[in-house]
Structures are given as C-alpha cells and as structure tokens.
PDB file of N, CA and C in Angstrom:
ATOM      1  N   MET A   1      -5.976  18.674   4.161  1.00  0.00           N
ATOM      2  CA  MET A   1      -5.255  17.471   4.362  1.00  0.00           C
ATOM      3  C   MET A   1      -5.226  17.890   5.397  1.00  0.00           C
ATOM      4  N   THR A   2      -5.898  16.486   6.005  1.00  0.00           N
ATOM      5  CA  THR A   2      -5.539  16.058   7.659  1.00  0.00           C
ATOM      6  C   THR A   2      -5.597  14.107   7.148  1.00  0.00           C
ATOM      7  N   GLY A   3      -5.503  13.550   8.638  1.00  0.00           N
ATOM      8  CA  GLY A   3      -4.704  12.376   8.727  1.00  0.00           C
ATOM      9  C   GLY A   3      -3.873  12.243   9.887  1.00  0.00           C
ATOM     10  N   THR A   4      -3.366  11.344   9.096  1.00  0.00           N
ATOM     11  CA  THR A   4      -2.784  11.391   9.918  1.00  0.00           C
ATOM     12  C   THR A   4      -0.905  12.509  10.552  1.00  0.00           C
ATOM     13  N   HIS A   5      -0.843  12.819   9.561  1.00  0.00           N
ATOM     14  CA  HIS A   5       0.056  14.804   9.350  1.00  0.00           C
ATOM     15  C   HIS A   5      -0.338  14.851   8.770  1.00  0.00           C
ATOM     16  N   ASP A   6      -0.857  16.532   9.422  1.00  0.00           N
ATOM     17  CA  ASP A   6      -1.559  17.630   8.446  1.00  0.00           C
ATOM     18  C   ASP A   6      -0.248  17.849   7.657  1.00  0.00           C
ATOM     19  N   GLY A   7      -0.922  18.751   5.727  1.00  0.00           N
ATOM     20  CA  GLY A   7      -0.384  19.203   5.862  1.00  0.00           C
ATOM     21  C   GLY A   7      -1.320  19.612   4.165  1.00  0.00           C
ATOM     22  N   SER A   8      -0.238  19.697   3.241  1.00  0.00           N
ATOM     23  CA  SER A   8      -1.531  20.151   1.886  1.00  0.00           C
ATOM     24  C   SER A   8      -1.173  18.460   0.542  1.00  0.00           C
ATOM     25  N   ILE A   9      -2.675  19.234  -0.121  1.00  0.00           N
ATOM     26  CA  ILE A   9      -1.993  18.136  -0.897  1.00  0.00           C
ATOM     27  C   ILE A   9      -2.960  18.819  -2.418  1.00  0.00           C
ATOM     28  N   VAL A  10      -2.132  18.899  -3.391  1.00  0.00           N
ATOM     29  CA  VAL A  10      -2.469  19.543  -4.230  1.00  0.00           C
ATOM     30  C   VAL A  10      -2.950  18.505  -5.584  1.00  0.00           C
ATOM     31  N   ILE A  11      -3.801  18.331  -5.867  1.00  0.00           N
ATOM     32  CA  ILE A  11      -4.432  17.439  -7.215  1.00  0.00           C
ATOM     33  C   ILE A  11      -4.451  17.814  -8.816  1.00  0.00           C
ATOM     34  N   ASN A  12      -3.420  17.378  -9.584  1.00  0.00           N
ATOM     35  CA  ASN A  12      -4.647  17.298 -10.799  1.00  0.00           C
ATOM     36  C   ASN A  12      -5.161  16.310 -11.391  1.00  0.00           C
ATOM     37  N   ILE A  13      -6.110  16.450 -12.243  1.00  0.00           N
ATOM     38  CA  ILE A  13      -7.547  15.454 -12.450  1.00  0.00           C
ATOM     39  C   ILE A  13      -7.522  15.677 -13.861  1.00  0.00           C
ATOM     40  N   ASP A  14      -7.189  14.908 -15.224  1.00  0.00           N
ATOM     41  CA  ASP A  14      -7.853  15.099 -16.488  1.00  0.00           C
ATOM     42  C   ASP A  14      -8.948  13.980 -16.944  1.00  0.00           C
ATOM     43  N   ASP A  15      -9.441  14.266 -17.350  1.00  0.00           N
ATOM     44  CA  ASP A  15     -10.335  13.930 -17.905  1.00  0.00           C
ATOM     45  C   ASP A  15     -10.171  13.504 -19.163  1.00  0.00           C
ATOM     46  N   VAL A  16      -9.880  12.146 -19.309  1.00  0.00           N
ATOM     47  CA  VAL A  16      -8.783  10.757 -20.352  1.00  0.00           C
ATOM     48  C   VAL A  16     -10.078  10.094 -21.120  1.00  0.00           C
ATOM     49  N   GLY A  17     -10.954  10.239 -21.323  1.00  0.00           N
ATOM     50  CA  GLY A  17     -12.047   9.764 -21.904  1.00  0.00           C
ATOM     51  C   GLY A  17     -13.312   9.466 -21.138  1.00  0.00           C
ATOM     52  N   SER A  18     -13.293   7.528 -20.696  1.00  0.00           N
ATOM     53  CA  SER A  18     -13.798   6.876 -19.506  1.00  0.00           C
ATOM     54  C   SER A  18     -13.990   7.200 -18.999  1.00  0.00           C
ATOM     55  N   PHE A  19     -12.308   7.319 -18.195  1.00  0.00           N
ATOM     56  CA  PHE A  19     -11.909   7.329 -16.426  1.00  0.00           C
ATOM     57  C   PHE A  19     -10.998   8.833 -16.819  1.00  0.00           C
ATOM     58  N   TYR A  20     -10.749   8.779 -15.250  1.00  0.00           N
ATOM     59  CA  TYR A  20     -10.341  10.088 -15.096  1.00  0.00           C
ATOM     60  C   TYR A  20      -8.611   9.421 -14.564  1.00  0.00           C
ATOM     61  N   SER A  21      -7.846  10.118 -14.565  1.00  0.00           N
ATOM     62  CA  SER A  21      -6.157  10.007 -14.388  1.00  0.00           C
ATOM     63  C   SER A  21      -5.367  11.240 -13.346  1.00  0.00           C
ATOM     64  N   GLY A  22      -5.199  10.922 -13.068  1.00  0.00           N
ATOM     65  CA  GLY A  22      -4.160  12.312 -12.174  1.00  0.00           C
ATOM     66  C   GLY A  22      -2.591  11.755 -11.585  1.00  0.00           C
ATOM     67  N   VAL A  23      -2.445  13.303 -10.757  1.00  0.00           N
ATOM     68  CA  VAL A  23      -2.110  13.130  -9.931  1.00  0.00           C
ATOM     69  C   VAL A  23      -1.377  14.146  -8.691  1.00  0.00           C
ATOM     70  N   GLY A  24      -1.311  13.909  -7.583  1.00  0.00           N
ATOM     71  CA  GLY A  24      -1.435  14.372  -6.531  1.00  0.00           C
ATOM     72  C   GLY A  24      -0.112  14.726  -5.652  1.00  0.00           C
ATOM     73  N   TYR A  25       0.045  15.624  -5.308  1.00  0.00           N
ATOM     74  CA  TYR A  25       1.572  16.111  -4.348  1.00  0.00           C
ATOM     75  C   TYR A  25       0.576  16.136  -3.121  1.00  0.00           C
ATOM     76  N   ILE A  26       1.291  15.871  -2.154  1.00  0.00           N
ATOM     77  CA  ILE A  26       1.161  15.492  -0.586  1.00  0.00           C
ATOM     78  C   ILE A  26       2.534  16.393   0.105  1.00  0.00           C
ATOM     79  N   VAL A  27       2.040  17.619   0.974  1.00  0.00           N
ATOM     80  CA  VAL A  27       3.578  18.146   1.464  1.00  0.00           C
ATOM     81  C   VAL A  27       2.684  18.395   3.038  1.00  0.00           C
ATOM     82  N   PRO A  28       3.403  17.213   3.551  1.00  0.00           N
ATOM     83  CA  PRO A  28       3.603  17.732   4.796  1.00  0.00           C
ATOM     84  C   PRO A  28       3.561  18.831   5.702  1.00  0.00           C
ATOM     85  N   ASN A  29       2.917  19.342   7.062  1.00  0.00           N
ATOM     86  CA  ASN A  29       3.539  20.396   7.208  1.00  0.00           C
ATOM     87  C   ASN A  29       4.813  20.145   8.515  1.00  0.00           C
ATOM     88  N   ASN A  30       4.983  19.033   8.347  1.00  0.00           N
ATOM     89  CA  ASN A  30       6.639  18.346   9.311  1.00  0.00           C
ATOM     90  C   ASN A  30       7.336  18.081   8.340  1.00  0.00           C
ATOM     91  N   THR A  31       8.344  19.259   8.831  1.00  0.00           N
ATOM     92  CA  THR A  31       9.835  18.656   7.230  1.00  0.00           C
ATOM     93  C   THR A  31      10.504  17.673   7.966  1.00  0.00           C
ATOM     94  N   ALA A  32      10.226  17.076   8.641  1.00  0.00           N
ATOM     95  CA  ALA A  32      11.373  16.385   8.484  1.00  0.00           C
ATOM     96  C   ALA A  32      10.532  14.550   8.787  1.00  0.00           C
ATOM     97  N   LEU A  33       9.352  14.386   7.322  1.00  0.00           N
ATOM     98  CA  LEU A  33       8.847  13.391   6.753  1.00  0.00           C
ATOM     99  C   LEU A  33       9.161  14.570   4.767  1.00  0.00           C
ATOM    100  N   PRO A  34       8.921  13.279   4.236  1.00  0.00           N
ATOM    101  CA  PRO A  34       9.521  14.148   2.520  1.00  0.00           C
ATOM    102  C   PRO A  34       8.515  14.008   2.372  1.00  0.00           C
ATOM    103  N   SER A  35       8.072  15.252   1.418  1.00  0.00           N
ATOM    104  CA  SER A  35       6.880  15.663   0.171  1.00  0.00           C
ATOM    105  C   SER A  35       6.919  14.305  -0.289  1.00  0.00           C
ATOM    106  N   SER A  36       5.727  14.275  -0.385  1.00  0.00           N
ATOM    107  CA  SER A  36       5.442  13.090  -1.607  1.00  0.00           C
ATOM    108  C   SER A  36       4.802  13.168  -3.225  1.00  0.00           C
ATOM    109  N   VAL A  37       4.316  12.265  -4.011  1.00  0.00           N
ATOM    110  CA  VAL A  37       3.961  12.907  -5.217  1.00  0.00           C
ATOM    111  C   VAL A  37       3.237  11.109  -5.809  1.00  0.00           C
ATOM    112  N   ALA A  38       1.739  11.163  -6.363  1.00  0.00           N
ATOM    113  CA  ALA A  38       1.123   9.951  -6.484  1.00  0.00           C
ATOM    114  C   ALA A  38       0.293   9.739  -7.705  1.00  0.00           C
ATOM    115  N   PHE A  39       0.248   8.869  -7.959  1.00  0.00           N
ATOM    116  CA  PHE A  39      -0.222   9.252  -9.641  1.00  0.00           C
ATOM    117  C   PHE A  39      -1.958   7.754 -10.157  1.00  0.00           C
ATOM    118  N   PHE A  40      -2.281   7.630 -10.342  1.00  0.00           N
ATOM    119  CA  PHE A  40      -3.230   6.996  -9.677  1.00  0.00           C
ATOM    120  C   PHE A  40      -4.291   7.245 -11.487  1.00  0.00           C
ATOM    121  N   ASN A  41      -5.005   6.372 -11.670  1.00  0.00           N
ATOM    122  CA  ASN A  41      -6.411   6.046 -12.471  1.00  0.00           C
ATOM    123  C   ASN A  41      -7.292   5.966 -11.461  1.00  0.00           C
ATOM    124  N   THR A  42      -9.052   6.373 -12.168  1.00  0.00           N
ATOM    125  CA  THR A  42     -10.243   5.829 -11.855  1.00  0.00           C
ATOM    126  C   THR A  42     -10.817   5.048 -12.776  1.00  0.00           C
ATOM    127  N   LYS A  43     -11.627   3.876 -12.238  1.00  0.00           N
ATOM    128  CA  LYS A  43     -11.668   3.121 -12.842  1.00  0.00           C
ATOM    129  C   LYS A  43     -12.907   3.523 -13.793  1.00  0.00           C
ATOM    130  N   ASP A  44     -13.572   4.794 -14.533  1.00  0.00           N
ATOM    131  CA  ASP A  44     -14.272   5.568 -14.933  1.00  0.00           C
ATOM    132  C   ASP A  44     -14.843   6.239 -13.939  1.00  0.00           C
ATOM    133  N   LYS A  45     -15.772   7.365 -14.829  1.00  0.00           N
ATOM    134  CA  LYS A  45     -15.902   7.873 -13.944  1.00  0.00           C
ATOM    135  C   LYS A  45     -17.533   8.852 -12.564  1.00  0.00           C
ATOM    136  N   GLY A  46     -17.965   7.295 -12.323  1.00  0.00           N
ATOM    137  CA  GLY A  46     -18.585   7.489 -11.770  1.00  0.00           C
ATOM    138  C   GLY A  46     -18.360   8.803 -10.361  1.00  0.00           C
ATOM    139  N   GLU A  47     -19.890   8.322  -9.638  1.00  0.00           N
ATOM    140  CA  GLU A  47     -19.346   9.697  -8.900  1.00  0.00           C
ATOM    141  C   GLU A  47     -18.729   8.661  -7.534  1.00  0.00           C
ATOM    142  N   THR A  48     -18.595   7.460  -7.384  1.00  0.00           N
ATOM    143  CA  THR A  48     -17.276   7.103  -6.026  1.00  0.00           C
ATOM    144  C   THR A  48     -16.579   6.411  -7.177  1.00  0.00           C
ATOM    145  N   ASN A  49     -15.590   6.196  -7.539  1.00  0.00           N
ATOM    146  CA  ASN A  49     -14.055   5.892  -6.856  1.00  0.00           C
ATOM    147  C   ASN A  49     -13.108   4.798  -6.417  1.00  0.00           C
ATOM    148  N   LYS A  50     -13.528   3.283  -6.482  1.00  0.00           N
ATOM    149  CA  LYS A  50     -11.844   3.183  -5.158  1.00  0.00           C
ATOM    150  C   LYS A  50     -10.711   2.685  -6.772  1.00  0.00           C
ATOM    151  N   PHE A  51      -9.467   3.113  -6.197  1.00  0.00           N
ATOM    152  CA  PHE A  51      -8.309   2.933  -6.878  1.00  0.00           C
ATOM    153  C   PHE A  51      -6.804   3.094  -6.176  1.00  0.00           C
ATOM    154  N   LYS A  52      -6.215   1.959  -6.146  1.00  0.00           N
ATOM    155  CA  LYS A  52      -4.909   1.898  -6.093  1.00  0.00           C
ATOM    156  C   LYS A  52      -3.725   3.095  -6.823  1.00  0.00           C
ATOM    157  N   ALA A  53      -3.237   3.593  -5.675  1.00  0.00           N
ATOM    158  CA  ALA A  53      -2.619   4.822  -5.853  1.00  0.00           C
ATOM    159  C   ALA A  53      -0.011   4.711  -5.909  1.00  0.00           C
ATOM    160  N   SER A  54      -0.212   5.102  -6.878  1.00  0.00           N
ATOM    161  CA  SER A  54       1.627   4.362  -6.936  1.00  0.00           C
ATOM    162  C   SER A  54       1.834   5.555  -6.270  1.00  0.00           C
ATOM    163  N   ILE A  55       2.838   5.574  -5.015  1.00  0.00           N
ATOM    164  CA  ILE A  55       3.308   7.143  -3.945  1.00  0.00           C
ATOM    165  C   ILE A  55       5.162   7.245  -4.544  1.00  0.00           C
ATOM    166  N   TYR A  56       5.826   8.167  -5.040  1.00  0.00           N
ATOM    167  CA  TYR A  56       7.287   8.229  -4.609  1.00  0.00           C
ATOM    168  C   TYR A  56       7.707   9.012  -3.772  1.00  0.00           C
ATOM    169  N   PRO A  57       8.416   9.164  -2.844  1.00  0.00           N
ATOM    170  CA  PRO A  57       9.198  10.767  -2.534  1.00  0.00           C
ATOM    171  C   PRO A  57       9.383  11.245  -3.842  1.00  0.00           C
ATOM    172  N   ILE A  58       9.439  12.193  -3.033  1.00  0.00           N
ATOM    173  CA  ILE A  58      10.020  14.046  -3.556  1.00  0.00           C
ATOM    174  C   ILE A  58      11.682  14.391  -2.842  1.00  0.00           C
ATOM    175  N   ASP A  59      12.539  13.874  -3.918  1.00  0.00           N
ATOM    176  CA  ASP A  59      14.223  14.476  -3.182  1.00  0.00           C
ATOM    177  C   ASP A  59      13.965  15.741  -2.660  1.00  0.00           C
ATOM    178  N   PRO A  60      14.419  16.397  -1.471  1.00  0.00           N
ATOM    179  CA  PRO A  60      14.523  17.287  -1.038  1.00  0.00           C
ATOM    180  C   PRO A  60      15.415  18.612  -2.343  1.00  0.00           C
ATOM    181  N   ARG A  61      16.317  18.140  -2.757  1.00  0.00           N
ATOM    182  CA  ARG A  61      17.750  18.531  -2.608  1.00  0.00           C
ATOM    183  C   ARG A  61      16.888  18.550  -4.489  1.00  0.00           C
ATOM    184  N   SER A  62      16.549  18.062  -5.632  1.00  0.00           N
ATOM    185  CA  SER A  62      16.471  17.697  -6.513  1.00  0.00           C
ATOM    186  C   SER A  62      14.806  18.514  -6.772  1.00  0.00           C
ATOM    187  N   HIS A  63      14.203  17.781  -5.754  1.00  0.00           N
ATOM    188  CA  HIS A  63      12.668  18.350  -6.025  1.00  0.00           C
ATOM    189  C   HIS A  63      12.017  17.517  -7.230  1.00  0.00           C
ATOM    190  N   TYR A  64      12.543  16.582  -7.454  1.00  0.00           N
ATOM    191  CA  TYR A  64      12.626  15.431  -7.914  1.00  0.00           C
ATOM    192  C   TYR A  64      11.640  13.982  -7.673  1.00  0.00           C
ATOM    193  N   GLN A  65      10.423  13.952  -7.995  1.00  0.00           N
ATOM    194  CA  GLN A  65      10.181  12.188  -7.647  1.00  0.00           C
ATOM    195  C   GLN A  65      11.460  11.107  -7.572  1.00  0.00           C
ATOM    196  N   CYS A  66      11.276  10.475  -7.248  1.00  0.00           N
ATOM    197  CA  CYS A  66      12.242  10.179  -6.155  1.00  0.00           C
ATOM    198  C   CYS A  66      11.968   8.060  -5.744  1.00  0.00           C
ATOM    199  N   GLU A  67      13.207   7.056  -5.463  1.00  0.00           N
ATOM    200  CA  GLU A  67      12.680   5.973  -5.487  1.00  0.00           C
ATOM    201  C   GLU A  67      13.351   6.230  -3.798  1.00  0.00           C
ATOM    202  N   TRP A  68      12.500   5.547  -2.803  1.00  0.00           N
ATOM    203  CA  TRP A  68      12.606   5.909  -1.278  1.00  0.00           C
ATOM    204  C   TRP A  68      14.462   5.276  -0.913  1.00  0.00           C
ATOM    205  N   GLU A  69      14.854   4.223  -1.744  1.00  0.00           N
ATOM    206  CA  GLU A  69      16.499   3.633  -0.977  1.00  0.00           C
ATOM    207  C   GLU A  69      17.214   4.816  -0.943  1.00  0.00           C
ATOM    208  N   GLN A  70      16.967   5.746  -2.749  1.00  0.00           N
ATOM    209  CA  GLN A  70      17.894   7.181  -2.831  1.00  0.00           C
ATOM    210  C   GLN A  70      18.013   8.783  -1.787  1.00  0.00           C
ATOM    211  N   ILE A  71      16.812   8.566  -0.975  1.00  0.00           N
ATOM    212  CA  ILE A  71      16.960   9.016   0.263  1.00  0.00           C
ATOM    213  C   ILE A  71      16.506   9.021   1.658  1.00  0.00           C
ATOM    214  N   LYS A  72      16.524   7.928   2.315  1.00  0.00           N
ATOM    215  CA  LYS A  72      15.483   7.377   2.791  1.00  0.00           C
ATOM    216  C   LYS A  72      17.144   7.811   4.333  1.00  0.00           C
ATOM    217  N   ASP A  73      17.839   8.385   3.533  1.00  0.00           N
ATOM    218  CA  ASP A  73      19.423   8.758   5.128  1.00  0.00           C
ATOM    219  C   ASP A  73      18.745   9.791   5.741  1.00  0.00           C
ATOM    220  N   ILE A  74      18.259  10.909   4.584  1.00  0.00           N
ATOM    221  CA  ILE A  74      17.671  12.113   4.430  1.00  0.00           C
ATOM    222  C   ILE A  74      16.667  12.030   6.002  1.00  0.00           C
ATOM    223  N   TYR A  75      16.177  11.128   6.196  1.00  0.00           N
ATOM    224  CA  TYR A  75      15.106  10.866   7.047  1.00  0.00           C
ATOM    225  C   TYR A  75      15.001   9.777   8.039  1.00  0.00           C
ATOM    226  N   PRO A  76      15.744   9.946   8.602  1.00  0.00           N
ATOM    227  CA  PRO A  76      16.922   8.836   9.966  1.00  0.00           C
ATOM    228  C   PRO A  76      14.926   8.348  10.760  1.00  0.00           C
ATOM    229  N   GLY A  77      15.041   6.950  11.088  1.00  0.00           N
ATOM    230  CA  GLY A  77      13.763   6.758  11.556  1.00  0.00           C
ATOM    231  C   GLY A  77      12.406   7.420  10.702  1.00  0.00           C
ATOM    232  N   VAL A  78      12.352   7.529   9.537  1.00  0.00           N
ATOM    233  CA  VAL A  78      11.031   7.282   8.856  1.00  0.00           C
ATOM    234  C   VAL A  78      10.747   5.969   7.928  1.00  0.00           C
ATOM    235  N   THR A  79      10.068   5.457   7.101  1.00  0.00           N
ATOM    236  CA  THR A  79       9.264   4.381   6.522  1.00  0.00           C
ATOM    237  C   THR A  79       7.640   5.447   5.114  1.00  0.00           C
ATOM    238  N   HIS A  80       9.085   4.709   4.125  1.00  0.00           N
ATOM    239  CA  HIS A  80       7.862   6.172   3.270  1.00  0.00           C
ATOM    240  C   HIS A  80       6.523   4.946   2.519  1.00  0.00           C
ATOM    241  N   SER A  81       5.711   5.545   1.649  1.00  0.00           N
ATOM    242  CA  SER A  81       5.021   4.233   1.274  1.00  0.00           C
ATOM    243  C   SER A  81       5.293   4.368  -0.222  1.00  0.00           C
ATOM    244  N   LYS A  82       4.686   2.813  -0.876  1.00  0.00           N
ATOM    245  CA  LYS A  82       4.618   3.180  -2.013  1.00  0.00           C
ATOM    246  C   LYS A  82       3.415   2.688  -2.204  1.00  0.00           C
ATOM    247  N   GLU A  83       2.380   2.927  -1.754  1.00  0.00           N
ATOM    248  CA  GLU A  83       0.528   2.435  -2.669  1.00  0.00           C
ATOM    249  C   GLU A  83      -0.394   2.401  -1.393  1.00  0.00           C
ATOM    250  N   ALA A  84      -1.387   3.878  -2.544  1.00  0.00           N
ATOM    251  CA  ALA A  84      -2.282   3.336  -1.023  1.00  0.00           C
ATOM    252  C   ALA A  84      -4.046   3.191  -2.229  1.00  0.00           C
ATOM    253  N   GLU A  85      -4.563   3.146  -0.624  1.00  0.00           N
ATOM    254  CA  GLU A  85      -5.921   2.112  -1.506  1.00  0.00           C
ATOM    255  C   GLU A  85      -7.040   3.467  -1.221  1.00  0.00           C
ATOM    256  N   VAL A  86      -7.270   4.593  -2.476  1.00  0.00           N
ATOM    257  CA  VAL A  86      -7.876   5.846  -2.253  1.00  0.00           C
ATOM    258  C   VAL A  86      -9.771   5.294  -2.511  1.00  0.00           C
ATOM    259  N   THR A  87     -10.788   6.458  -1.781  1.00  0.00           N
ATOM    260  CA  THR A  87     -11.538   5.643  -2.605  1.00  0.00           C
ATOM    261  C   THR A  87     -12.058   7.850  -2.627  1.00  0.00           C
ATOM    262  N   THR A  88     -12.480   7.632  -4.161  1.00  0.00           N
ATOM    263  CA  THR A  88     -12.945   9.408  -3.367  1.00  0.00           C
ATOM    264  C   THR A  88     -14.505   9.519  -4.388  1.00  0.00           C
ATOM    265  N   ARG A  89     -15.607  10.678  -3.655  1.00  0.00           N
ATOM    266  CA  ARG A  89     -16.580  11.293  -4.053  1.00  0.00           C
ATOM    267  C   ARG A  89     -15.975  12.320  -4.483  1.00  0.00           C
ATOM    268  N   PHE A  90     -16.915  12.751  -6.030  1.00  0.00           N
ATOM    269  CA  PHE A  90     -16.768  13.831  -7.006  1.00  0.00           C
ATOM    270  C   PHE A  90     -18.517  13.616  -6.792  1.00  0.00           C
ATOM    271  N   LYS A  91     -19.306  14.869  -5.377  1.00  0.00           N
ATOM    272  CA  LYS A  91     -20.935  15.444  -6.081  1.00  0.00           C
ATOM    273  C   LYS A  91     -20.849  16.385  -5.800  1.00  0.00           C
ATOM    274  N   ASP A  92     -21.840  17.186  -6.402  1.00  0.00           N
ATOM    275  CA  ASP A  92     -21.909  19.044  -6.554  1.00  0.00           C
ATOM    276  C   ASP A  92     -20.523  19.624  -6.605  1.00  0.00           C
ATOM    277  N   ASN A  93     -19.724  19.565  -7.129  1.00  0.00           N
ATOM    278  CA  ASN A  93     -18.586  20.517  -7.508  1.00  0.00           C
ATOM    279  C   ASN A  93     -17.411  20.425  -6.566  1.00  0.00           C
ATOM    280  N   GLU A  94     -17.391  18.943  -5.190  1.00  0.00           N
ATOM    281  CA  GLU A  94     -16.852  18.398  -4.401  1.00  0.00           C
ATOM    282  C   GLU A  94     -16.111  16.993  -4.011  1.00  0.00           C
ATOM    283  N   LEU A  95     -15.376  17.159  -3.957  1.00  0.00           N
ATOM    284  CA  LEU A  95     -14.342  16.227  -4.818  1.00  0.00           C
ATOM    285  C   LEU A  95     -13.600  15.696  -2.843  1.00  0.00           C
ATOM    286  N   HIS A  96     -13.935  14.794  -2.578  1.00  0.00           N
ATOM    287  CA  HIS A  96     -13.560  14.138  -1.840  1.00  0.00           C
ATOM    288  C   HIS A  96     -12.719  12.782  -1.361  1.00  0.00           C
ATOM    289  N   LEU A  97     -12.082  12.776  -0.440  1.00  0.00           N
ATOM    290  CA  LEU A  97     -11.013  12.229  -1.031  1.00  0.00           C
ATOM    291  C   LEU A  97     -10.443  11.042   0.355  1.00  0.00           C
ATOM    292  N   GLU A  98     -10.306  10.040   0.488  1.00  0.00           N
ATOM    293  CA  GLU A  98      -9.877   9.277   1.540  1.00  0.00           C
ATOM    294  C   GLU A  98      -9.004   8.093   1.097  1.00  0.00           C
ATOM    295  N   ALA A  99      -8.084   7.978   1.954  1.00  0.00           N
ATOM    296  CA  ALA A  99      -6.899   7.506   1.628  1.00  0.00           C
ATOM    297  C   ALA A  99      -5.917   6.987   2.400  1.00  0.00           C
ATOM    298  N   LYS A 100      -5.093   4.920   2.697  1.00  0.00           N
ATOM    299  CA  LYS A 100      -4.977   4.456   2.962  1.00  0.00           C
ATOM    300  C   LYS A 100      -3.629   4.460   3.063  1.00  0.00           C
ATOM    301  N   THR A 101      -3.038   4.023   2.920  1.00  0.00           N
ATOM    302  CA  THR A 101      -1.274   3.548   2.523  1.00  0.00           C
ATOM    303  C   THR A 101      -0.914   2.465   3.007  1.00  0.00           C
ATOM    304  N   ASP A 102       0.186   1.935   2.437  1.00  0.00           N
ATOM    305  CA  ASP A 102       0.268   0.371   3.038  1.00  0.00           C
ATOM    306  C   ASP A 102       1.177   0.411   4.381  1.00  0.00           C
ATOM    307  N   ILE A 103       1.316   1.487   4.764  1.00  0.00           N
ATOM    308  CA  ILE A 103       2.182   1.448   6.289  1.00  0.00           C
ATOM    309  C   ILE A 103       1.314   1.859   6.949  1.00  0.00           C
ATOM    310  N   GLY A 104      -0.273   2.313   6.390  1.00  0.00           N
ATOM    311  CA  GLY A 104      -1.195   2.415   8.065  1.00  0.00           C
ATOM    312  C   GLY A 104      -1.231   4.135   7.682  1.00  0.00           C
ATOM    313  N   THR A 105      -0.553   4.838   7.085  1.00  0.00           N
ATOM    314  CA  THR A 105      -1.134   6.443   6.379  1.00  0.00           C
ATOM    315  C   THR A 105      -2.270   6.547   6.317  1.00  0.00           C
ATOM    316  N   ILE A 106      -3.474   7.624   6.922  1.00  0.00           N
ATOM    317  CA  ILE A 106      -4.421   8.475   6.886  1.00  0.00           C
ATOM    318  C   ILE A 106      -3.688   9.695   5.315  1.00  0.00           C
ATOM    319  N   VAL A 107      -4.943   9.258   4.370  1.00  0.00           N
ATOM    320  CA  VAL A 107      -5.261  10.792   3.667  1.00  0.00           C
ATOM    321  C   VAL A 107      -6.268  11.195   3.763  1.00  0.00           C
ATOM    322  N   GLU A 108      -6.892  12.334   4.076  1.00  0.00           N
ATOM    323  CA  GLU A 108      -8.243  12.832   4.093  1.00  0.00           C
ATOM    324  C   GLU A 108      -8.681  14.586   3.866  1.00  0.00           C
ATOM    325  N   SER A 109      -9.031  15.024   2.480  1.00  0.00           N
ATOM    326  CA  SER A 109      -9.531  15.845   2.096  1.00  0.00           C
ATOM    327  C   SER A 109     -10.370  15.879   1.728  1.00  0.00           C
ATOM    328  N   SER A 110     -10.846  17.341   1.193  1.00  0.00           N
ATOM    329  CA  SER A 110     -12.280  17.450   0.635  1.00  0.00           C
ATOM    330  C   SER A 110     -11.837  19.450  -0.586  1.00  0.00           C
ATOM    331  N   ILE A 111     -11.993  19.079  -1.586  1.00  0.00           N
ATOM    332  CA  ILE A 111     -11.937  19.611  -2.838  1.00  0.00           C
ATOM    333  C   ILE A 111     -12.835  20.159  -3.641  1.00  0.00           C
ATOM    334  N   ILE A 112     -13.645  21.883  -3.715  1.00  0.00           N
ATOM    335  CA  ILE A 112     -14.169  22.205  -3.876  1.00  0.00           C
ATOM    336  C   ILE A 112     -13.604  23.016  -5.926  1.00  0.00           C
ATOM    337  N   GLY A 113     -15.057  21.827  -6.767  1.00  0.00           N
ATOM    338  CA  GLY A 113     -14.358  22.276  -8.200  1.00  0.00           C
ATOM    339  C   GLY A 113     -15.118  21.164  -9.139  1.00  0.00           C
ATOM    340  N   ARG A 114     -14.152  20.924 -10.221  1.00  0.00           N
ATOM    341  CA  ARG A 114     -14.530  19.778 -11.670  1.00  0.00           C
ATOM    342  C   ARG A 114     -13.590  19.953 -11.879  1.00  0.00           C
ATOM    343  N   PRO A 115     -12.972  18.624 -12.275  1.00  0.00           N
ATOM    344  CA  PRO A 115     -12.179  18.051 -13.472  1.00  0.00           C
ATOM    345  C   PRO A 115     -12.105  19.187 -13.776  1.00  0.00           C
ATOM    346  N   GLY A 116     -10.824  19.275 -14.483  1.00  0.00           N
ATOM    347  CA  GLY A 116     -10.777  20.285 -15.064  1.00  0.00           C
ATOM    348  C   GLY A 116     -10.207  22.479 -15.405  1.00  0.00           C
ATOM    349  N   ASP A 117     -11.291  22.037 -14.273  1.00  0.00           N
ATOM    350  CA  ASP A 117     -10.997  23.579 -12.702  1.00  0.00           C
ATOM    351  C   ASP A 117      -9.647  23.735 -12.496  1.00  0.00           C
ATOM    352  N   ILE A 118      -9.197  24.302 -12.073  1.00  0.00           N
ATOM    353  CA  ILE A 118      -7.863  25.485 -11.676  1.00  0.00           C
ATOM    354  C   ILE A 118      -8.325  26.055 -10.117  1.00  0.00           C
ATOM    355  N   ILE A 119      -8.032  25.409  -9.283  1.00  0.00           N
ATOM    356  CA  ILE A 119      -8.929  25.810  -8.276  1.00  0.00           C
ATOM    357  C   ILE A 119      -7.508  25.571  -7.154  1.00  0.00           C
ATOM    358  N   LYS A 120      -7.811  27.060  -6.102  1.00  0.00           N
ATOM    359  CA  LYS A 120      -6.486  27.233  -5.332  1.00  0.00           C
ATOM    360  C   LYS A 120      -7.659  26.414  -3.702  1.00  0.00           C
ATOM    361  N   SER A 121      -6.895  26.038  -3.238  1.00  0.00           N
ATOM    362  CA  SER A 121      -7.587  25.111  -2.035  1.00  0.00           C
ATOM    363  C   SER A 121      -6.529  25.895  -1.169  1.00  0.00           C
ATOM    364  N   SER A 122      -7.299  25.485  -0.148  1.00  0.00           N
ATOM    365  CA  SER A 122      -6.079  25.101   1.489  1.00  0.00           C
ATOM    366  C   SER A 122      -6.548  25.025   2.721  1.00  0.00           C
ATOM    367  N   VAL A 123      -5.914  23.586   2.449  1.00  0.00           N
ATOM    368  CA  VAL A 123      -6.727  22.092   3.014  1.00  0.00           C
ATOM    369  C   VAL A 123      -5.362  21.632   4.242  1.00  0.00           C
TER     370      VAL A 123
END
C-alpha cells in the first residue's frame, strides 16, 4: 500500500451474486497511526467499480473495530477517516485500488489474484 502513508493492506472479497462484497484491513507502517478496517460493496462485477467504503479504526488494546471517539486519546493529534471514495479496476487477475478518504488520505494498491483466491502479497 502506498499513498499518504505507507503500510500493508489485506483485502477479502466475496462473490455475492451480481456484485462483490468485501472488507479491507489497513495497517500503516507508522505506529503513531491506528490500523483501520473498511467495509464495501461494489455496484456490480464490472472490470471497473466506484463505490464508498465505511472505515472504522481498530482498537489496539482489543484488536476489534471501534468508533474513533473510543480511542482518539491514544492517538493525540490524529484524525480518523469515516469513509472513502474508492475506485477499483480488476483485469488480468490484478486488482488496482485507489481511494481518497473524507479527510484527504490517499490509498493506492495493486494485488495480483482473483476474487476467491488466497493471495500472499506485500505492498
């Protein structure tokens, strides 16, 4: 994952009929920033999709998603996103993802594989 902050991203995408549903876990390399989880549904199974993803921080004490108000004191001076505008392109077994959050954070990643594959990737 590259963008505003470097780190790792793990994405689970499920084929749910006429569209894909998924969850992404975002782990910044900078430990002064919280990890996050994002939930999304595509509009269809097209090669290119644009959609909104809901984003929640992960509480470093419990490792569960939470509301930002519950952990903001652990991360002084940090603001956390609530949603992102996401564009994905899936072609030739490669997923390209670009996202911009409501606070201006940029996320970009490319992952090789198909929905349903188990892929080990470092980005």
